[in-house]
Every structure is written in structure tokens, then in C-alpha cells.
C-alpha atoms as a PDB file:
ATOM      1  CA  MET A   1     152.432 124.691  81.539  1.00  0.00           C
ATOM      2  CA  ALA A   2     148.964 126.247  81.768  1.00  0.00           C
ATOM      3  CA  GLU A   3     148.189 129.692  80.406  1.00  0.00           C
ATOM      4  CA  ILE A   4     148.048 132.520  82.978  1.00  0.00           C
ATOM      5  CA  ARG A   5     144.722 134.199  82.250  1.00  0.00           C
ATOM      6  CA  MET A   6     144.592 136.565  85.234  1.00  0.00           C
ATOM      7  CA  THR A   7     146.639 137.704  88.199  1.00  0.00           C
ATOM      8  CA  THR A   8     145.539 138.649  91.707  1.00  0.00           C
ATOM      9  CA  GLU A   9     146.712 141.246  94.198  1.00  0.00           C
ATOM     10  CA  THR A  10     146.104 141.701  97.904  1.00  0.00           C
ATOM     11  CA  ARG A  11     146.913 144.835  99.895  1.00  0.00           C
ATOM     12  CA  THR A  12     146.322 145.844 103.513  1.00  0.00           C
ATOM     13  CA  ASP A  13     146.623 149.016 105.575  1.00  0.00           C
ATOM     14  CA  TYR A  14     149.747 147.542 107.205  1.00  0.00           C
ATOM     15  CA  GLU A  15     151.457 148.088 103.857  1.00  0.00           C
ATOM     16  CA  CYS A  16     151.534 144.332 103.232  1.00  0.00           C
ATOM     17  CA  GLU A  17     151.164 143.472  99.582  1.00  0.00           C
ATOM     18  CA  ALA A  18     151.124 140.318  97.465  1.00  0.00           C
ATOM     19  CA  THR A  19     151.000 140.971  93.739  1.00  0.00           C
ATOM     20  CA  GLY A  20     151.172 139.017  90.526  1.00  0.00           C
ATOM     21  CA  LEU A  21     149.728 135.784  91.927  1.00  0.00           C
ATOM     22  CA  PRO A  22     149.001 133.796  88.736  1.00  0.00           C
ATOM     23  CA  ALA A  23     145.782 131.955  87.949  1.00  0.00           C
ATOM     24  CA  GLU A  24     144.687 130.014  84.905  1.00  0.00           C
ATOM     25  CA  ARG A  25     140.995 129.869  85.714  1.00  0.00           C
ATOM     26  CA  TRP A  26     139.984 131.267  89.114  1.00  0.00           C
ATOM     27  CA  GLY A  27     141.082 133.256  92.154  1.00  0.00           C
ATOM     28  CA  GLU A  28     139.512 133.673  95.575  1.00  0.00           C
ATOM     29  CA  ALA A  29     139.976 136.158  98.408  1.00  0.00           C
ATOM     30  CA  VAL A  30     138.794 135.251 101.901  1.00  0.00           C
ATOM     31  CA  PHE A  31     138.483 137.933 104.575  1.00  0.00           C
ATOM     32  CA  LYS A  32     137.922 136.683 108.136  1.00  0.00           C
ATOM     33  CA  ILE A  33     136.274 139.135 110.512  1.00  0.00           C
ATOM     34  CA  GLY A  34     135.905 137.426 113.869  1.00  0.00           C
ATOM     35  CA  GLU A  35     133.669 134.415 113.205  1.00  0.00           C
ATOM     36  CA  GLU A  36     132.435 135.823 109.855  1.00  0.00           C
ATOM     37  CA  GLU A  37     133.932 135.251 106.413  1.00  0.00           C
ATOM     38  CA  LEU A  38     133.603 137.418 103.328  1.00  0.00           C
ATOM     39  CA  VAL A  39     134.584 135.485 100.206  1.00  0.00           C
ATOM     40  CA  ILE A  40     135.071 136.952  96.738  1.00  0.00           C
ATOM     41  CA  GLU A  41     135.743 134.597  93.827  1.00  0.00           C
ATOM     42  CA  VAL A  42     136.493 135.461  90.209  1.00  0.00           C
ATOM     43  CA  SER A  43     136.472 132.771  87.533  1.00  0.00           C
ATOM     44  CA  VAL A  44     137.602 133.253  83.921  1.00  0.00           C
ATOM     45  CA  GLU A  45     135.495 130.949  81.758  1.00  0.00           C
ATOM     46  CA  LYS A  46     135.309 130.563  77.975  1.00  0.00           C
ATOM     47  CA  SER A  47     131.853 132.133  78.138  1.00  0.00           C
ATOM     48  CA  GLY A  48     133.070 135.148  80.170  1.00  0.00           C
ATOM     49  CA  VAL A  49     133.970 136.233  83.685  1.00  0.00           C
ATOM     50  CA  ILE A  50     131.946 134.860  86.622  1.00  0.00           C
ATOM     51  CA  VAL A  51     131.903 136.664  89.987  1.00  0.00           C
ATOM     52  CA  GLY A  52     130.819 135.119  93.271  1.00  0.00           C
ATOM     53  CA  ILE A  53     130.449 136.846  96.641  1.00  0.00           C
ATOM     54  CA  MET A  54     129.531 135.196  99.933  1.00  0.00           C
ATOM     55  CA  ALA A  55     129.016 136.856 103.297  1.00  0.00           C
ATOM     56  CA  GLY A  56     128.091 134.248 105.892  1.00  0.00           C
ATOM     57  CA  GLU A  57     125.056 132.417 104.528  1.00  0.00           C
ATOM     58  CA  VAL A  58     124.214 135.099 101.938  1.00  0.00           C
ATOM     59  CA  ALA A  59     125.652 134.619  98.453  1.00  0.00           C
ATOM     60  CA  TRP A  60     125.463 136.064  94.950  1.00  0.00           C
ATOM     61  CA  LYS A  61     126.930 134.603  91.776  1.00  0.00           C
ATOM     62  CA  GLY A  62     126.699 135.866  88.224  1.00  0.00           C
ATOM     63  CA  THR A  63     128.520 137.432  85.309  1.00  0.00           C
ATOM     64  CA  LEU A  64     130.856 140.401  85.578  1.00  0.00           C
ATOM     65  CA  GLU A  65     128.263 142.519  83.760  1.00  0.00           C
ATOM     66  CA  GLY A  66     125.603 141.360  86.220  1.00  0.00           C
ATOM     67  CA  PHE A  67     127.892 142.250  89.142  1.00  0.00           C
ATOM     68  CA  LYS A  68     128.363 145.764  87.750  1.00  0.00           C
ATOM     69  CA  LYS A  69     124.570 146.119  87.475  1.00  0.00           C
ATOM     70  CA  LEU A  70     124.195 144.862  91.064  1.00  0.00           C
ATOM     71  CA  LEU A  71     126.634 147.518  92.301  1.00  0.00           C
ATOM     72  CA  LYS A  72     124.747 150.218  90.361  1.00  0.00           C
ATOM     73  CA  GLY A  73     121.488 149.077  91.970  1.00  0.00           C
ATOM     74  CA  GLU A  74     120.082 147.870  88.663  1.00  0.00           C
ATOM     75  CA  LEU A  75     119.667 144.271  89.911  1.00  0.00           C
ATOM     76  CA  LYS A  76     117.812 143.000  92.953  1.00  0.00           C
END
């Protein structure tokens, strides 16, 4: 059996919750808002954690450290 390297959780304001979903390498959350999709993907690689975010046709992908810098406004 593969090694569980991360777990995922999903919660909503309807008090619905799914926790402890196992993943060896990657997990993805897809939020559908009408015709739009917001996708967040996290991948655990040997070289580190990779984060990807897609909103419609706009996407960003990079390291976890790069994502933190993006959120702080340190990356463009």
C-alpha cells in the first residue's frame, strides 16, 4: 500500500464536512460557481510542495513558498 503523505478536508456553511481524505501525492478541490470553476491543487513532490490555482482561464502554479509570497503581494 502507498504511503499517505497528506490528508484533505472540505467544509461548507451547511455544516457538511469530509475529513481525513488520504492522498499519496496530490489533492484537488474544485468549486463550481455557476459556469465558473475555481480549482486548487496541492502536490507533494520529493522536491517540495507544489500549489496550483485556476480560476477560469487564469492560472498560477509554483512552490508553497512562492504561493505564500504571492498572497503577501511579494510576487507579481
